[in-house]
N, C-alpha and C. Protein backbone atom coordinates (compact mmCIF):
# COMPACT_ATOMS: atom_id res chain seq x y z
N MET A 1 -0.68 3.53 -23.16
CA MET A 1 -0.41 2.87 -22.03
C MET A 1 -0.61 1.35 -22.99
N GLY A 2 0.01 0.48 -22.79
CA GLY A 2 -0.10 -1.09 -23.16
C GLY A 2 -0.80 -1.73 -22.57
N LEU A 3 -0.38 -2.83 -23.13
CA LEU A 3 -1.07 -4.10 -22.12
C LEU A 3 -0.47 -4.03 -20.81
N MET A 4 1.21 -4.20 -20.81
CA MET A 4 1.68 -4.17 -19.38
C MET A 4 0.89 -3.19 -18.40
N GLY A 5 0.69 -1.50 -18.91
CA GLY A 5 0.51 -0.84 -18.12
C GLY A 5 -0.74 -1.24 -17.59
N LYS A 6 -1.85 -1.70 -18.20
CA LYS A 6 -3.33 -2.02 -17.96
C LYS A 6 -3.03 -2.63 -16.99
N ILE A 7 -2.19 -3.87 -17.02
CA ILE A 7 -2.15 -5.05 -16.24
C ILE A 7 -1.61 -4.37 -14.91
N PHE A 8 -0.37 -3.42 -14.72
CA PHE A 8 0.26 -2.97 -13.40
C PHE A 8 -0.95 -2.09 -12.98
N LYS A 9 -1.30 -1.55 -13.33
CA LYS A 9 -2.93 -0.10 -12.98
C LYS A 9 -3.61 -1.19 -12.68
N ALA A 10 -3.93 -2.64 -12.80
CA ALA A 10 -4.94 -3.41 -12.31
C ALA A 10 -4.81 -3.87 -11.18
N PHE A 11 -3.19 -4.28 -10.96
CA PHE A 11 -2.86 -4.84 -9.24
C PHE A 11 -2.54 -3.40 -8.72
N GLY A 12 -2.69 -2.08 -9.04
CA GLY A 12 -2.26 -1.20 -7.93
C GLY A 12 -0.95 -0.59 -8.08
N PHE A 13 -0.46 -0.83 -9.68
CA PHE A 13 0.77 0.01 -9.75
C PHE A 13 0.94 0.70 -10.85
N GLU A 14 1.09 1.84 -10.50
CA GLU A 14 1.52 2.87 -11.37
C GLU A 14 2.23 3.50 -12.46
N SER A 15 2.66 3.57 -13.67
CA SER A 15 3.25 3.69 -14.70
C SER A 15 4.02 5.62 -14.56
N GLU A 16 5.39 5.54 -14.65
CA GLU A 16 5.99 6.62 -14.80
C GLU A 16 6.44 7.06 -16.28
N GLU A 17 5.35 6.85 -17.19
CA GLU A 17 5.50 7.07 -18.61
C GLU A 17 5.96 8.41 -18.76
N LYS A 18 5.24 9.43 -18.08
CA LYS A 18 5.35 11.11 -18.16
C LYS A 18 6.54 11.29 -17.90
N ASN A 19 7.38 11.12 -16.91
CA ASN A 19 8.85 11.62 -16.63
C ASN A 19 9.97 10.19 -16.96
N LYS A 20 9.68 10.18 -18.00
CA LYS A 20 10.10 8.38 -18.69
C LYS A 20 11.75 8.81 -18.09
N PRO A 21 12.60 8.22 -17.21
CA PRO A 21 13.97 7.97 -17.05
C PRO A 21 14.59 7.35 -17.93
N GLU A 22 16.06 7.00 -17.44
CA GLU A 22 16.53 5.87 -18.50
C GLU A 22 16.18 4.82 -18.74
N LYS A 23 15.73 4.23 -17.33
CA LYS A 23 14.98 3.25 -17.12
C LYS A 23 13.37 3.02 -16.72
N ASN A 24 12.40 2.60 -17.25
CA ASN A 24 11.27 2.68 -17.15
C ASN A 24 11.21 2.24 -15.65
N LYS A 25 10.25 2.63 -14.44
CA LYS A 25 10.11 2.48 -12.99
C LYS A 25 8.76 2.54 -12.87
N THR A 26 8.30 1.04 -12.15
CA THR A 26 6.47 1.40 -11.97
C THR A 26 6.95 1.05 -10.55
N LYS A 27 5.78 1.85 -9.77
CA LYS A 27 5.82 2.15 -8.56
C LYS A 27 4.89 1.26 -8.05
N ALA A 28 5.08 1.00 -7.03
CA ALA A 28 4.13 -0.09 -6.18
C ALA A 28 3.52 0.54 -4.91
N SER A 29 2.25 0.51 -4.41
CA SER A 29 2.06 1.00 -3.08
C SER A 29 1.73 -0.43 -1.91
N PHE A 30 1.80 -0.30 -0.75
CA PHE A 30 1.42 -1.66 -0.06
C PHE A 30 0.86 -0.14 0.82
N LYS A 31 -0.47 -0.82 1.72
CA LYS A 31 -0.60 -0.30 2.69
C LYS A 31 -0.83 -1.18 4.26
N ILE A 32 0.30 -1.25 4.86
CA ILE A 32 0.34 -2.59 5.97
C ILE A 32 0.43 -1.95 6.98
N LYS A 33 -0.08 -1.98 8.25
CA LYS A 33 -0.36 -1.88 9.09
C LYS A 33 0.77 -2.76 9.92
N HIS A 34 1.65 -1.95 10.59
CA HIS A 34 2.82 -3.13 10.94
C HIS A 34 2.40 -3.90 12.62
N GLY A 35 2.29 -4.96 12.60
CA GLY A 35 2.18 -5.55 13.97
C GLY A 35 0.35 -5.93 13.49
N LYS A 36 0.13 -5.80 12.51
CA LYS A 36 -1.84 -5.82 12.86
C LYS A 36 -1.89 -7.09 12.13
N ILE A 37 -0.96 -8.05 10.89
CA ILE A 37 -1.35 -9.23 10.45
C ILE A 37 -1.35 -10.32 11.12
N LYS A 38 -2.75 -11.07 11.08
CA LYS A 38 -3.15 -12.02 12.37
C LYS A 38 -3.35 -13.63 11.77
N SER A 39 -3.34 -13.53 10.42
CA SER A 39 -3.67 -14.76 10.03
C SER A 39 -3.03 -14.98 8.50
N ARG A 40 -2.72 -15.72 7.90
CA ARG A 40 -2.01 -16.14 6.67
C ARG A 40 -3.03 -15.25 5.18
N ALA A 41 -2.80 -14.27 5.28
CA ALA A 41 -3.10 -13.82 4.01
C ALA A 41 -2.46 -13.87 3.03
N GLU A 42 -3.57 -14.31 1.53
CA GLU A 42 -3.39 -14.71 0.61
C GLU A 42 -2.46 -13.73 -0.28
N GLU A 43 -2.86 -12.36 -0.14
CA GLU A 43 -2.02 -11.40 -0.65
C GLU A 43 -2.14 -10.33 0.04
N ILE A 44 -1.39 -9.32 -0.32
CA ILE A 44 -1.75 -8.03 0.38
C ILE A 44 -1.49 -6.76 -0.64
N ASP A 45 -2.41 -6.22 -0.83
CA ASP A 45 -2.17 -4.90 -1.51
C ASP A 45 -2.38 -5.79 -3.30
N GLY A 46 -2.56 -6.74 -3.33
CA GLY A 46 -2.86 -6.98 -4.82
C GLY A 46 -1.36 -7.96 -4.75
N VAL A 47 -0.33 -7.95 -4.10
CA VAL A 47 0.88 -8.94 -4.07
C VAL A 47 0.74 -10.15 -3.48
N PRO A 48 0.36 -11.40 -4.41
CA PRO A 48 0.78 -12.56 -3.47
C PRO A 48 1.22 -12.69 -2.44
N VAL A 49 0.87 -13.58 -1.37
CA VAL A 49 1.96 -14.02 0.23
C VAL A 49 2.07 -15.50 -0.34
N TYR A 50 3.53 -15.73 -0.16
CA TYR A 50 3.57 -17.16 0.06
C TYR A 50 4.32 -17.52 0.96
N TYR A 51 3.95 -19.10 1.58
CA TYR A 51 4.33 -19.49 3.07
C TYR A 51 5.58 -20.48 2.70
N PRO A 52 6.50 -20.59 2.36
CA PRO A 52 7.59 -21.72 2.01
C PRO A 52 7.27 -22.96 3.45
N GLU A 53 7.04 -23.65 3.32
CA GLU A 53 7.13 -25.36 4.08
C GLU A 53 8.25 -25.67 3.99
N SER A 54 8.89 -25.33 2.71
CA SER A 54 10.18 -26.63 2.32
C SER A 54 11.66 -25.75 1.87
N TYR A 55 12.66 -26.00 1.86
CA TYR A 55 13.65 -25.28 0.90
C TYR A 55 13.22 -25.43 -0.42
N LEU A 56 12.62 -26.53 -0.81
CA LEU A 56 12.47 -27.00 -2.51
C LEU A 56 11.41 -25.79 -2.92
N GLN A 57 10.82 -24.93 -2.33
CA GLN A 57 9.20 -24.31 -2.82
C GLN A 57 10.43 -23.38 -2.96
N VAL A 58 11.32 -22.60 -2.49
CA VAL A 58 11.88 -21.23 -2.74
C VAL A 58 12.27 -20.99 -4.12
N ARG A 59 12.31 -22.23 -4.86
CA ARG A 59 13.24 -21.79 -6.18
C ARG A 59 11.55 -21.46 -7.31
N ASP A 60 10.24 -22.31 -6.73
CA ASP A 60 9.25 -21.59 -7.42
C ASP A 60 9.02 -20.41 -7.04
N PHE A 61 9.11 -19.64 -6.01
CA PHE A 61 8.90 -18.42 -5.81
C PHE A 61 9.85 -17.32 -6.35
N ALA A 62 11.36 -17.84 -6.44
CA ALA A 62 11.79 -17.04 -7.07
C ALA A 62 11.64 -17.12 -8.19
N GLU A 63 11.10 -17.85 -9.28
CA GLU A 63 10.50 -17.94 -10.50
C GLU A 63 9.35 -16.77 -10.89
N ILE A 64 9.15 -16.76 -9.57
CA ILE A 64 7.77 -15.34 -9.77
C ILE A 64 8.41 -14.28 -10.02
N LEU A 65 9.34 -13.92 -9.00
CA LEU A 65 10.30 -12.66 -9.30
C LEU A 65 11.04 -12.55 -10.70
N LYS A 66 11.42 -14.05 -11.03
CA LYS A 66 12.44 -14.03 -12.08
C LYS A 66 11.43 -13.17 -13.45
N LYS A 67 10.17 -13.67 -13.40
CA LYS A 67 9.00 -13.47 -14.23
C LYS A 67 8.85 -11.80 -14.40
N GLY A 68 9.12 -11.20 -13.54
CA GLY A 68 9.16 -9.53 -13.39
C GLY A 68 7.39 -9.38 -12.41
N ASN A 69 6.93 -10.45 -11.65
CA ASN A 69 6.10 -9.80 -10.81
C ASN A 69 7.09 -9.97 -9.21
N PRO A 70 5.86 -9.44 -8.49
CA PRO A 70 6.72 -8.93 -7.29
C PRO A 70 5.89 -10.09 -6.40
N CYS A 71 6.29 -9.85 -5.27
CA CYS A 71 5.79 -11.25 -4.15
C CYS A 71 6.21 -10.96 -3.10
N ILE A 72 5.40 -11.22 -1.90
CA ILE A 72 6.03 -11.57 -0.29
C ILE A 72 5.82 -12.27 -0.04
N ILE A 73 6.67 -12.65 0.98
CA ILE A 73 7.44 -14.28 1.37
C ILE A 73 7.25 -13.64 2.71
N SER A 74 6.32 -14.99 3.63
CA SER A 74 6.27 -14.57 5.05
C SER A 74 7.13 -16.25 5.52
N ILE A 75 8.13 -15.86 6.31
CA ILE A 75 9.19 -16.70 7.11
C ILE A 75 8.59 -16.77 8.51
N GLU A 76 7.54 -16.64 8.96
CA GLU A 76 6.99 -16.17 10.29
C GLU A 76 6.43 -17.83 11.00
N TYR A 77 6.26 -18.65 9.65
CA TYR A 77 5.98 -20.12 10.44
C TYR A 77 7.03 -21.15 9.99
N CYS A 78 8.21 -20.41 9.74
CA CYS A 78 9.28 -21.54 9.41
C CYS A 78 10.13 -21.97 10.58
N GLU A 79 11.06 -23.13 10.70
CA GLU A 79 12.05 -22.88 11.86
C GLU A 79 13.04 -22.25 11.40
N LYS A 80 13.46 -21.64 12.28
CA LYS A 80 14.54 -20.70 12.44
C LYS A 80 15.49 -21.20 11.20
N GLU A 81 16.07 -22.26 10.99
CA GLU A 81 17.20 -22.74 10.20
C GLU A 81 16.80 -22.50 9.01
N LEU A 82 15.47 -22.88 8.50
CA LEU A 82 14.62 -23.10 7.24
C LEU A 82 14.78 -21.20 6.79
N ALA A 83 13.99 -20.36 7.23
CA ALA A 83 14.27 -19.03 7.75
C ALA A 83 15.31 -18.53 7.33
N GLU A 84 16.49 -19.02 7.80
CA GLU A 84 17.57 -18.78 7.62
C GLU A 84 18.26 -19.22 6.12
N ARG A 85 17.73 -20.03 5.21
CA ARG A 85 18.33 -20.68 4.40
C ARG A 85 17.53 -20.02 2.88
N ILE A 86 16.08 -19.88 3.61
CA ILE A 86 15.74 -18.61 2.73
C ILE A 86 15.63 -17.64 2.44
N MET A 87 16.07 -16.81 3.45
CA MET A 87 16.68 -15.51 3.40
C MET A 87 17.85 -15.66 2.51
N THR A 88 18.72 -16.64 2.83
CA THR A 88 19.87 -16.36 2.08
C THR A 88 19.91 -16.61 0.48
N TYR A 89 19.02 -17.71 0.45
CA TYR A 89 18.72 -17.77 -1.17
C TYR A 89 18.34 -16.54 -1.70
N PHE A 90 17.39 -15.66 -1.27
CA PHE A 90 16.73 -14.73 -1.90
C PHE A 90 17.41 -13.73 -2.30
N GLU A 91 18.92 -13.17 -0.88
CA GLU A 91 19.75 -12.82 -1.02
C GLU A 91 20.08 -12.72 -2.68
N GLY A 92 20.56 -13.75 -2.98
CA GLY A 92 21.22 -14.27 -3.96
C GLY A 92 20.76 -14.00 -5.57
N VAL A 93 19.10 -14.09 -5.03
CA VAL A 93 17.81 -14.07 -5.94
C VAL A 93 18.09 -12.59 -6.38
N CYS A 94 18.17 -11.79 -5.47
CA CYS A 94 17.92 -10.16 -5.40
C CYS A 94 19.04 -9.81 -6.67
N PHE A 95 20.30 -10.32 -5.37
CA PHE A 95 21.30 -9.65 -6.53
C PHE A 95 21.35 -9.93 -8.13
N ALA A 96 20.88 -11.16 -8.21
CA ALA A 96 21.29 -12.09 -9.73
C ALA A 96 20.01 -11.08 -10.74
N LEU A 97 19.10 -10.81 -10.10
CA LEU A 97 17.94 -10.11 -10.93
C LEU A 97 17.95 -8.54 -10.47
N ALA A 98 19.00 -8.03 -10.00
CA ALA A 98 18.71 -6.68 -9.37
C ALA A 98 17.24 -6.13 -8.87
N ALA A 99 16.89 -7.09 -8.08
CA ALA A 99 15.42 -7.02 -7.50
C ALA A 99 15.86 -6.41 -5.99
N THR A 100 14.74 -5.71 -5.46
CA THR A 100 14.92 -5.42 -4.08
C THR A 100 13.97 -5.93 -3.11
N ARG A 101 14.65 -5.94 -1.90
CA ARG A 101 13.73 -6.55 -0.61
C ARG A 101 13.46 -5.11 0.31
N HIS A 102 12.00 -5.42 0.66
CA HIS A 102 11.66 -4.42 1.41
C HIS A 102 11.20 -5.14 2.87
N GLU A 103 11.29 -4.84 3.76
CA GLU A 103 11.11 -5.56 5.15
C GLU A 103 9.51 -4.82 5.22
N ILE A 104 8.58 -5.76 5.49
CA ILE A 104 7.12 -5.49 5.78
C ILE A 104 6.55 -5.16 7.30
N GLU A 105 7.36 -6.71 8.08
CA GLU A 105 6.98 -6.98 9.22
C GLU A 105 8.37 -7.60 9.70
N GLU A 106 9.31 -7.40 10.94
CA GLU A 106 10.08 -7.33 11.02
C GLU A 106 10.62 -9.21 11.50
N ASN A 107 11.11 -9.42 10.61
CA ASN A 107 11.70 -10.84 10.62
C ASN A 107 10.81 -11.59 10.27
N LYS A 108 9.83 -11.50 9.74
CA LYS A 108 8.81 -12.47 9.42
C LYS A 108 8.20 -12.30 7.82
N LEU A 109 7.91 -10.58 7.44
CA LEU A 109 7.29 -10.73 5.81
C LEU A 109 8.06 -9.56 5.22
N TYR A 110 8.40 -10.37 4.19
CA TYR A 110 9.09 -9.46 3.38
C TYR A 110 8.84 -9.55 1.62
N LEU A 111 8.95 -7.89 1.07
CA LEU A 111 8.04 -7.37 -0.34
C LEU A 111 9.46 -7.99 -1.26
N TYR A 112 9.15 -8.62 -2.30
CA TYR A 112 10.49 -8.59 -3.36
C TYR A 112 10.06 -7.83 -4.39
N LEU A 113 10.61 -7.11 -4.89
CA LEU A 113 10.26 -6.54 -6.53
C LEU A 113 11.21 -6.36 -7.55
N PRO A 114 10.83 -7.08 -8.31
CA PRO A 114 11.86 -6.89 -9.84
C PRO A 114 12.41 -5.91 -9.98
N GLU A 115 13.66 -5.92 -10.35
CA GLU A 115 14.55 -4.51 -11.32
C GLU A 115 13.56 -3.74 -11.93
N GLY A 116 13.28 -2.69 -11.87
CA GLY A 116 12.52 -1.58 -12.84
C GLY A 116 10.79 -1.37 -11.64
N MET A 117 11.00 -1.52 -10.63
CA MET A 117 9.75 -1.35 -9.62
C MET A 117 10.21 -0.59 -8.05
N GLU A 118 9.24 -0.20 -7.93
CA GLU A 118 9.89 0.98 -6.62
C GLU A 118 8.44 1.11 -5.96
N ILE A 119 9.01 0.98 -4.39
CA ILE A 119 7.07 1.42 -3.36
C ILE A 119 7.31 2.82 -3.55
N GLU A 120 5.79 3.03 -3.99
CA GLU A 120 5.33 4.28 -3.83
C GLU A 120 4.89 4.85 -2.05
N ARG A 121 5.26 5.26 -1.18
CA ARG A 121 4.83 5.59 0.12
C ARG A 121 4.18 6.86 0.30
């Protein structure tokens, strides 16, 4: 296991090096009780949670994903128009980076995983 494998393991991700397919996939897991998040969490299962307050911040959050790190975006406290712009922007980011989006809490909390990562449930 290389340095990145140890880093992923420290953050709760496990490598599938034994059954290595064409692309090395890393599995991530999260244990979120839907509807039970009551305050602004800084991280969930080791994945940082970001709360955009302006559209200008969204680019910074996309850079995190671009560097190969997962992130969670909460639009719970955003105005409707800003939330829609953020979601549209991240649809493009996901397409460009072959990333995936997973809805954690309906219309509020989204997990973004870079290419090669998947959720282990």
